[in-house]
Amino acid sequence: MNIGRKQAKQKEISSGHSFLEWGMTILKMPPAKRIKMVRDGVKVTHLVGAGRYYGISQAKLSKLLGISDATITRKIRSSGKLGPLESERLARIALIEAEAEKVFDSSDLAKRWMLESNLALGESPLSLLDTDMGADEVRKVLASIAYGGVA
């Protein structure tokens, strides 16, 4: 790999901003395209970007995605892709972050909301996104906020 490509790759890996852009991109995708993306696996750089964006550890990310720290490290070193299950979980986080951004009209407010404990949910929205049921509850609270409810 030449120096220019290596620097570009490092910039992509270290950017939490790219995680936000990715979330907005997949929010606009038709469902069939999202499904194909998940089945094909997403780049591990999106996982690293999520960690940097939220300021959370690789251990917390591994718990959210149901993947070991060692596997994440190996995939980062090889510039690999996540498997379909991990890809779907990461895409779910990105989609809900994008939805929160639309509701709050601010990436900073959305991020803070995702990270802070929520009375209606009993814990932070981000921590619930490891399951479909948790994600459904987070979406319900976001919908409540969007349509004038309190959460």
N, C-alpha and C. Protein backbone atom coordinates (compact mmCIF):
# COMPACT_ATOMS: atom_id res chain seq x y z
N MET A 1 0.86 -1.17 0.00
CA MET A 1 0.00 0.00 0.00
C MET A 1 0.90 1.23 0.00
N ASN A 2 0.63 2.15 -0.92
CA ASN A 2 1.46 3.35 -0.95
C ASN A 2 1.08 4.29 0.19
N ILE A 3 1.94 5.28 0.43
CA ILE A 3 1.77 6.19 1.57
C ILE A 3 0.43 6.94 1.49
N GLY A 4 0.07 7.44 0.33
CA GLY A 4 -1.18 8.19 0.18
C GLY A 4 -2.40 7.36 0.53
N ARG A 5 -2.44 6.12 0.05
CA ARG A 5 -3.56 5.23 0.36
C ARG A 5 -3.59 4.89 1.84
N LYS A 6 -2.40 4.69 2.42
CA LYS A 6 -2.32 4.35 3.84
C LYS A 6 -2.84 5.51 4.69
N GLN A 7 -2.47 6.74 4.34
CA GLN A 7 -2.94 7.91 5.09
C GLN A 7 -4.45 8.09 4.93
N ALA A 8 -4.95 7.88 3.72
CA ALA A 8 -6.39 8.00 3.49
C ALA A 8 -7.15 6.95 4.29
N LYS A 9 -6.61 5.72 4.33
CA LYS A 9 -7.24 4.66 5.10
C LYS A 9 -7.25 5.01 6.58
N GLN A 10 -6.14 5.53 7.08
CA GLN A 10 -6.05 5.91 8.50
C GLN A 10 -7.05 7.01 8.82
N LYS A 11 -7.20 7.98 7.90
CA LYS A 11 -8.16 9.06 8.12
C LYS A 11 -9.58 8.51 8.17
N GLU A 12 -9.88 7.58 7.26
CA GLU A 12 -11.21 6.98 7.23
C GLU A 12 -11.48 6.21 8.52
N ILE A 13 -10.49 5.46 9.00
CA ILE A 13 -10.65 4.68 10.22
C ILE A 13 -10.87 5.58 11.42
N SER A 14 -10.19 6.71 11.46
CA SER A 14 -10.22 7.53 12.67
C SER A 14 -11.38 8.53 12.70
N SER A 15 -12.18 8.57 11.67
CA SER A 15 -13.20 9.61 11.59
C SER A 15 -14.55 9.15 12.12
N GLY A 16 -14.97 9.77 13.22
CA GLY A 16 -16.33 9.54 13.70
C GLY A 16 -17.34 10.19 12.77
N HIS A 17 -16.91 11.25 12.07
CA HIS A 17 -17.80 11.96 11.15
C HIS A 17 -18.27 11.02 10.04
N SER A 18 -17.39 10.12 9.57
CA SER A 18 -17.78 9.20 8.52
C SER A 18 -18.89 8.27 8.99
N PHE A 19 -18.93 7.97 10.30
CA PHE A 19 -20.01 7.15 10.84
C PHE A 19 -21.35 7.87 10.69
N LEU A 20 -21.38 9.16 10.98
CA LEU A 20 -22.61 9.94 10.82
C LEU A 20 -23.06 9.97 9.36
N GLU A 21 -22.12 10.21 8.46
CA GLU A 21 -22.45 10.24 7.04
C GLU A 21 -22.99 8.90 6.58
N TRP A 22 -22.36 7.82 7.05
CA TRP A 22 -22.80 6.48 6.69
C TRP A 22 -24.23 6.25 7.18
N GLY A 23 -24.53 6.67 8.40
CA GLY A 23 -25.89 6.51 8.93
C GLY A 23 -26.92 7.23 8.09
N MET A 24 -26.61 8.45 7.69
CA MET A 24 -27.54 9.21 6.85
C MET A 24 -27.70 8.55 5.47
N THR A 25 -26.60 8.00 4.96
CA THR A 25 -26.65 7.32 3.66
C THR A 25 -27.56 6.10 3.72
N ILE A 26 -27.39 5.27 4.75
CA ILE A 26 -28.21 4.06 4.79
C ILE A 26 -29.67 4.37 5.16
N LEU A 27 -29.89 5.47 5.83
CA LEU A 27 -31.26 5.88 6.13
C LEU A 27 -32.03 6.15 4.84
N LYS A 28 -31.33 6.65 3.83
CA LYS A 28 -31.96 6.98 2.55
C LYS A 28 -32.03 5.79 1.58
N MET A 29 -31.35 4.69 1.91
CA MET A 29 -31.32 3.52 1.03
C MET A 29 -32.67 2.80 1.01
N PRO A 30 -33.03 2.26 -0.14
CA PRO A 30 -34.20 1.39 -0.16
C PRO A 30 -33.91 0.12 0.67
N PRO A 31 -34.93 -0.48 1.26
CA PRO A 31 -34.71 -1.65 2.10
C PRO A 31 -33.91 -2.77 1.42
N ALA A 32 -34.17 -3.04 0.16
CA ALA A 32 -33.45 -4.12 -0.53
C ALA A 32 -31.94 -3.84 -0.57
N LYS A 33 -31.58 -2.59 -0.76
CA LYS A 33 -30.16 -2.23 -0.80
C LYS A 33 -29.53 -2.35 0.59
N ARG A 34 -30.27 -1.97 1.63
CA ARG A 34 -29.77 -2.12 3.01
C ARG A 34 -29.53 -3.59 3.32
N ILE A 35 -30.48 -4.43 2.94
CA ILE A 35 -30.36 -5.86 3.21
C ILE A 35 -29.13 -6.42 2.51
N LYS A 36 -28.91 -6.05 1.26
CA LYS A 36 -27.73 -6.52 0.53
C LYS A 36 -26.46 -6.05 1.21
N MET A 37 -26.43 -4.79 1.64
CA MET A 37 -25.26 -4.24 2.32
C MET A 37 -24.94 -5.05 3.58
N VAL A 38 -25.97 -5.36 4.35
CA VAL A 38 -25.78 -6.12 5.59
C VAL A 38 -25.30 -7.53 5.27
N ARG A 39 -25.91 -8.17 4.29
CA ARG A 39 -25.50 -9.53 3.93
C ARG A 39 -24.07 -9.58 3.42
N ASP A 40 -23.66 -8.55 2.69
CA ASP A 40 -22.29 -8.50 2.17
C ASP A 40 -21.27 -8.16 3.25
N GLY A 41 -21.73 -7.58 4.35
CA GLY A 41 -20.84 -7.15 5.43
C GLY A 41 -20.40 -5.71 5.22
N VAL A 42 -20.30 -4.98 6.32
CA VAL A 42 -19.86 -3.58 6.23
C VAL A 42 -18.41 -3.48 6.65
N LYS A 43 -17.75 -2.46 6.16
CA LYS A 43 -16.34 -2.24 6.49
C LYS A 43 -16.17 -2.01 7.98
N VAL A 44 -15.11 -2.57 8.51
CA VAL A 44 -14.81 -2.41 9.93
C VAL A 44 -14.53 -0.94 10.27
N THR A 45 -14.19 -0.13 9.27
CA THR A 45 -13.93 1.29 9.52
C THR A 45 -15.17 1.99 10.08
N HIS A 46 -16.36 1.51 9.71
CA HIS A 46 -17.58 2.10 10.27
C HIS A 46 -17.70 1.80 11.76
N LEU A 47 -17.25 0.63 12.16
CA LEU A 47 -17.24 0.26 13.58
C LEU A 47 -16.29 1.16 14.36
N VAL A 48 -15.10 1.35 13.81
CA VAL A 48 -14.11 2.22 14.46
C VAL A 48 -14.65 3.65 14.52
N GLY A 49 -15.27 4.10 13.44
CA GLY A 49 -15.87 5.44 13.43
C GLY A 49 -16.95 5.59 14.48
N ALA A 50 -17.74 4.54 14.69
CA ALA A 50 -18.79 4.59 15.73
C ALA A 50 -18.17 4.73 17.11
N GLY A 51 -17.12 3.98 17.35
CA GLY A 51 -16.43 4.08 18.65
C GLY A 51 -15.89 5.46 18.89
N ARG A 52 -15.29 6.04 17.87
CA ARG A 52 -14.73 7.38 18.01
C ARG A 52 -15.84 8.42 18.16
N TYR A 53 -16.90 8.27 17.40
CA TYR A 53 -18.00 9.23 17.47
C TYR A 53 -18.61 9.26 18.87
N TYR A 54 -18.88 8.09 19.42
CA TYR A 54 -19.51 8.02 20.74
C TYR A 54 -18.51 8.11 21.89
N GLY A 55 -17.23 7.97 21.57
CA GLY A 55 -16.22 8.00 22.63
C GLY A 55 -16.32 6.79 23.54
N ILE A 56 -16.65 5.64 22.95
CA ILE A 56 -16.78 4.43 23.76
C ILE A 56 -15.69 3.43 23.38
N SER A 57 -15.42 2.54 24.29
CA SER A 57 -14.33 1.58 24.13
C SER A 57 -14.70 0.47 23.14
N GLN A 58 -13.66 -0.20 22.68
CA GLN A 58 -13.85 -1.34 21.81
C GLN A 58 -14.61 -2.44 22.55
N ALA A 59 -14.37 -2.57 23.86
CA ALA A 59 -15.07 -3.58 24.66
C ALA A 59 -16.58 -3.32 24.67
N LYS A 60 -16.98 -2.06 24.80
CA LYS A 60 -18.41 -1.73 24.80
C LYS A 60 -19.01 -1.99 23.41
N LEU A 61 -18.26 -1.63 22.37
CA LEU A 61 -18.72 -1.90 21.01
C LEU A 61 -18.87 -3.39 20.77
N SER A 62 -17.90 -4.16 21.25
CA SER A 62 -17.96 -5.61 21.03
C SER A 62 -19.21 -6.20 21.71
N LYS A 63 -19.56 -5.67 22.88
CA LYS A 63 -20.76 -6.13 23.57
C LYS A 63 -22.02 -5.77 22.77
N LEU A 64 -22.07 -4.54 22.26
CA LEU A 64 -23.23 -4.11 21.48
C LEU A 64 -23.42 -4.95 20.22
N LEU A 65 -22.30 -5.37 19.62
CA LEU A 65 -22.38 -6.10 18.36
C LEU A 65 -22.36 -7.61 18.54
N GLY A 66 -22.07 -8.07 19.76
CA GLY A 66 -22.01 -9.51 19.99
C GLY A 66 -20.81 -10.15 19.31
N ILE A 67 -19.68 -9.48 19.37
CA ILE A 67 -18.45 -9.95 18.72
C ILE A 67 -17.31 -9.74 19.72
N SER A 68 -16.32 -10.62 19.69
CA SER A 68 -15.23 -10.51 20.67
C SER A 68 -14.27 -9.38 20.32
N ASP A 69 -13.60 -8.87 21.36
CA ASP A 69 -12.57 -7.84 21.15
C ASP A 69 -11.50 -8.34 20.19
N ALA A 70 -11.10 -9.59 20.35
CA ALA A 70 -10.04 -10.16 19.50
C ALA A 70 -10.47 -10.18 18.04
N THR A 71 -11.71 -10.51 17.79
CA THR A 71 -12.21 -10.53 16.40
C THR A 71 -12.22 -9.12 15.82
N ILE A 72 -12.65 -8.15 16.61
CA ILE A 72 -12.64 -6.76 16.14
C ILE A 72 -11.21 -6.34 15.81
N THR A 73 -10.29 -6.62 16.71
CA THR A 73 -8.89 -6.24 16.48
C THR A 73 -8.36 -6.88 15.20
N ARG A 74 -8.65 -8.16 15.01
CA ARG A 74 -8.20 -8.87 13.81
C ARG A 74 -8.79 -8.24 12.54
N LYS A 75 -10.06 -7.90 12.59
CA LYS A 75 -10.71 -7.30 11.42
C LYS A 75 -10.16 -5.90 11.13
N ILE A 76 -9.84 -5.16 12.18
CA ILE A 76 -9.25 -3.83 11.99
C ILE A 76 -7.89 -3.96 11.32
N ARG A 77 -7.07 -4.89 11.81
CA ARG A 77 -5.73 -5.08 11.24
C ARG A 77 -5.77 -5.51 9.79
N SER A 78 -6.77 -6.31 9.44
CA SER A 78 -6.85 -6.82 8.07
C SER A 78 -7.74 -5.97 7.17
N SER A 79 -8.26 -4.88 7.71
CA SER A 79 -9.22 -4.03 6.98
C SER A 79 -10.39 -4.86 6.46
N GLY A 80 -10.81 -5.79 7.29
CA GLY A 80 -11.88 -6.70 6.90
C GLY A 80 -13.26 -6.11 7.03
N LYS A 81 -14.22 -6.99 6.80
CA LYS A 81 -15.63 -6.62 6.92
C LYS A 81 -16.22 -7.37 8.10
N LEU A 82 -17.26 -6.79 8.65
CA LEU A 82 -18.02 -7.46 9.69
C LEU A 82 -18.93 -8.50 9.05
N GLY A 83 -19.30 -9.51 9.82
CA GLY A 83 -20.25 -10.50 9.33
C GLY A 83 -21.64 -9.90 9.26
N PRO A 84 -22.58 -10.63 8.66
CA PRO A 84 -23.94 -10.10 8.51
C PRO A 84 -24.61 -9.72 9.83
N LEU A 85 -24.46 -10.52 10.87
CA LEU A 85 -25.10 -10.22 12.15
C LEU A 85 -24.54 -8.94 12.76
N GLU A 86 -23.21 -8.82 12.79
CA GLU A 86 -22.58 -7.62 13.34
C GLU A 86 -22.88 -6.41 12.47
N SER A 87 -22.90 -6.62 11.15
CA SER A 87 -23.21 -5.53 10.22
C SER A 87 -24.62 -4.99 10.46
N GLU A 88 -25.56 -5.91 10.69
CA GLU A 88 -26.93 -5.48 10.94
C GLU A 88 -27.03 -4.68 12.24
N ARG A 89 -26.32 -5.12 13.27
CA ARG A 89 -26.36 -4.40 14.54
C ARG A 89 -25.72 -3.02 14.42
N LEU A 90 -24.61 -2.94 13.71
CA LEU A 90 -23.96 -1.64 13.53
C LEU A 90 -24.84 -0.72 12.68
N ALA A 91 -25.46 -1.27 11.64
CA ALA A 91 -26.36 -0.47 10.81
C ALA A 91 -27.55 0.02 11.64
N ARG A 92 -28.04 -0.81 12.55
CA ARG A 92 -29.15 -0.41 13.42
C ARG A 92 -28.74 0.79 14.27
N ILE A 93 -27.53 0.76 14.82
CA ILE A 93 -27.04 1.89 15.62
C ILE A 93 -26.97 3.14 14.76
N ALA A 94 -26.41 3.01 13.56
CA ALA A 94 -26.26 4.16 12.67
C ALA A 94 -27.63 4.71 12.25
N LEU A 95 -28.57 3.82 11.96
CA LEU A 95 -29.90 4.27 11.56
C LEU A 95 -30.62 5.00 12.69
N ILE A 96 -30.53 4.47 13.89
CA ILE A 96 -31.22 5.12 15.00
C ILE A 96 -30.54 6.43 15.35
N GLU A 97 -29.22 6.49 15.22
CA GLU A 97 -28.51 7.77 15.42
C GLU A 97 -29.01 8.79 14.40
N ALA A 98 -29.14 8.37 13.14
CA ALA A 98 -29.63 9.27 12.09
C ALA A 98 -31.07 9.71 12.38
N GLU A 99 -31.89 8.79 12.86
CA GLU A 99 -33.27 9.14 13.22
C GLU A 99 -33.28 10.16 14.37
N ALA A 100 -32.42 9.93 15.36
CA ALA A 100 -32.34 10.86 16.50
C ALA A 100 -31.88 12.24 16.04
N GLU A 101 -30.95 12.26 15.09
CA GLU A 101 -30.48 13.54 14.56
C GLU A 101 -31.61 14.31 13.90
N LYS A 102 -32.46 13.60 13.18
CA LYS A 102 -33.61 14.26 12.55
C LYS A 102 -34.58 14.79 13.60
N VAL A 103 -34.82 14.01 14.65
CA VAL A 103 -35.75 14.42 15.71
C VAL A 103 -35.23 15.65 16.45
N PHE A 104 -33.94 15.61 16.82
CA PHE A 104 -33.37 16.70 17.61
C PHE A 104 -32.80 17.84 16.76
N ASP A 105 -32.71 17.62 15.46
CA ASP A 105 -32.16 18.61 14.53
C ASP A 105 -30.74 19.03 14.93
N SER A 106 -30.00 18.09 15.51
CA SER A 106 -28.64 18.38 15.96
C SER A 106 -27.91 17.07 16.21
N SER A 107 -26.73 16.92 15.62
CA SER A 107 -25.96 15.70 15.87
C SER A 107 -25.45 15.67 17.31
N ASP A 108 -25.11 16.83 17.86
CA ASP A 108 -24.62 16.86 19.25
C ASP A 108 -25.72 16.46 20.24
N LEU A 109 -26.92 16.98 20.06
CA LEU A 109 -28.03 16.61 20.95
C LEU A 109 -28.39 15.14 20.79
N ALA A 110 -28.39 14.66 19.55
CA ALA A 110 -28.71 13.26 19.30
C ALA A 110 -27.69 12.34 19.97
N LYS A 111 -26.42 12.68 19.82
CA LYS A 111 -25.37 11.86 20.44
C LYS A 111 -25.52 11.86 21.96
N ARG A 112 -25.74 13.02 22.53
CA ARG A 112 -25.91 13.11 23.98
C ARG A 112 -27.11 12.28 24.44
N TRP A 113 -28.21 12.37 23.70
CA TRP A 113 -29.40 11.60 24.03
C TRP A 113 -29.12 10.10 23.96
N MET A 114 -28.36 9.68 22.95
CA MET A 114 -28.04 8.25 22.79
C MET A 114 -27.18 7.73 23.94
N LEU A 115 -26.34 8.58 24.50
CA LEU A 115 -25.37 8.15 25.52
C LEU A 115 -25.87 8.27 26.95
N GLU A 116 -26.81 9.17 27.21
CA GLU A 116 -27.26 9.42 28.58
C GLU A 116 -28.41 8.50 28.97
N SER A 117 -28.46 8.16 30.24
CA SER A 117 -29.54 7.33 30.75
C SER A 117 -30.87 8.03 30.51
N ASN A 118 -31.86 7.27 30.09
CA ASN A 118 -33.16 7.81 29.74
C ASN A 118 -34.21 7.23 30.69
N LEU A 119 -34.97 8.09 31.32
CA LEU A 119 -35.96 7.66 32.31
C LEU A 119 -36.97 6.68 31.71
N ALA A 120 -37.45 6.96 30.51
CA ALA A 120 -38.45 6.10 29.88
C ALA A 120 -37.89 4.72 29.52
N LEU A 121 -36.59 4.65 29.25
CA LEU A 121 -35.97 3.40 28.83
C LEU A 121 -35.27 2.66 29.97
N GLY A 122 -34.93 3.38 31.01
CA GLY A 122 -34.25 2.76 32.13
C GLY A 122 -32.74 2.71 32.00
N GLU A 123 -32.23 3.03 30.86
CA GLU A 123 -30.78 3.11 30.60
C GLU A 123 -30.57 3.92 29.34
N SER A 124 -29.33 4.02 28.89
CA SER A 124 -29.08 4.83 27.69
C SER A 124 -29.64 4.13 26.45
N PRO A 125 -30.16 4.90 25.50
CA PRO A 125 -30.66 4.30 24.27
C PRO A 125 -29.60 3.44 23.57
N LEU A 126 -28.37 3.92 23.52
CA LEU A 126 -27.32 3.16 22.84
C LEU A 126 -27.15 1.78 23.45
N SER A 127 -27.22 1.68 24.76
CA SER A 127 -27.00 0.38 25.41
C SER A 127 -28.11 -0.63 25.11
N LEU A 128 -29.24 -0.17 24.62
CA LEU A 128 -30.35 -1.07 24.29
C LEU A 128 -30.31 -1.58 22.85
N LEU A 129 -29.39 -1.06 22.06
CA LEU A 129 -29.40 -1.38 20.64
C LEU A 129 -28.74 -2.70 20.29
N ASP A 130 -28.41 -3.50 21.29
CA ASP A 130 -27.87 -4.83 21.02
C ASP A 130 -28.96 -5.84 20.71
N THR A 131 -30.24 -5.45 20.90
CA THR A 131 -31.35 -6.35 20.59
C THR A 131 -32.41 -5.62 19.76
N ASP A 132 -33.17 -6.40 19.01
CA ASP A 132 -34.28 -5.82 18.24
C ASP A 132 -35.33 -5.20 19.15
N MET A 133 -35.62 -5.89 20.25
CA MET A 133 -36.63 -5.37 21.18
C MET A 133 -36.18 -4.05 21.80
N GLY A 134 -34.91 -3.95 22.14
CA GLY A 134 -34.38 -2.70 22.68
C GLY A 134 -34.46 -1.58 21.65
N ALA A 135 -34.11 -1.92 20.41
CA ALA A 135 -34.18 -0.92 19.34
C ALA A 135 -35.61 -0.44 19.12
N ASP A 136 -36.57 -1.37 19.21
CA ASP A 136 -37.98 -0.98 19.07
C ASP A 136 -38.39 0.01 20.16
N GLU A 137 -37.94 -0.24 21.38
CA GLU A 137 -38.27 0.67 22.48
C GLU A 137 -37.65 2.05 22.26
N VAL A 138 -36.41 2.07 21.79
CA VAL A 138 -35.73 3.34 21.51
C VAL A 138 -36.50 4.10 20.43
N ARG A 139 -36.92 3.40 19.39
CA ARG A 139 -37.68 4.05 18.31
C ARG A 139 -39.01 4.61 18.82
N LYS A 140 -39.66 3.88 19.72
CA LYS A 140 -40.93 4.38 20.29
C LYS A 140 -40.71 5.68 21.05
N VAL A 141 -39.64 5.74 21.82
CA VAL A 141 -39.35 6.96 22.58
C VAL A 141 -39.02 8.10 21.62
N LEU A 142 -38.23 7.82 20.59
CA LEU A 142 -37.93 8.86 19.59
C LEU A 142 -39.21 9.36 18.93
N ALA A 143 -40.10 8.46 18.58
CA ALA A 143 -41.37 8.86 17.96
C ALA A 143 -42.18 9.72 18.92
N SER A 144 -42.17 9.36 20.18
CA SER A 144 -42.88 10.15 21.19
C SER A 144 -42.33 11.57 21.26
N ILE A 145 -41.01 11.67 21.24
CA ILE A 145 -40.37 13.00 21.28
C ILE A 145 -40.72 13.78 20.02
N ALA A 146 -40.65 13.11 18.87
CA ALA A 146 -40.91 13.78 17.59
C ALA A 146 -42.33 14.32 17.49
N TYR A 147 -43.26 13.62 18.13
CA TYR A 147 -44.66 14.01 18.01
C TYR A 147 -45.21 14.65 19.28
N GLY A 148 -44.30 15.24 20.06
CA GLY A 148 -44.74 16.05 21.18
C GLY A 148 -44.84 15.37 22.53
N GLY A 149 -44.50 14.08 22.58
CA GLY A 149 -44.53 13.39 23.87
C GLY A 149 -43.30 13.73 24.69
N VAL A 150 -43.28 13.28 25.90
CA VAL A 150 -42.14 13.52 26.79
C VAL A 150 -41.40 12.22 26.98
N ALA A 151 -40.08 12.27 26.79
CA ALA A 151 -39.27 11.06 27.04
C ALA A 151 -37.86 11.45 27.37
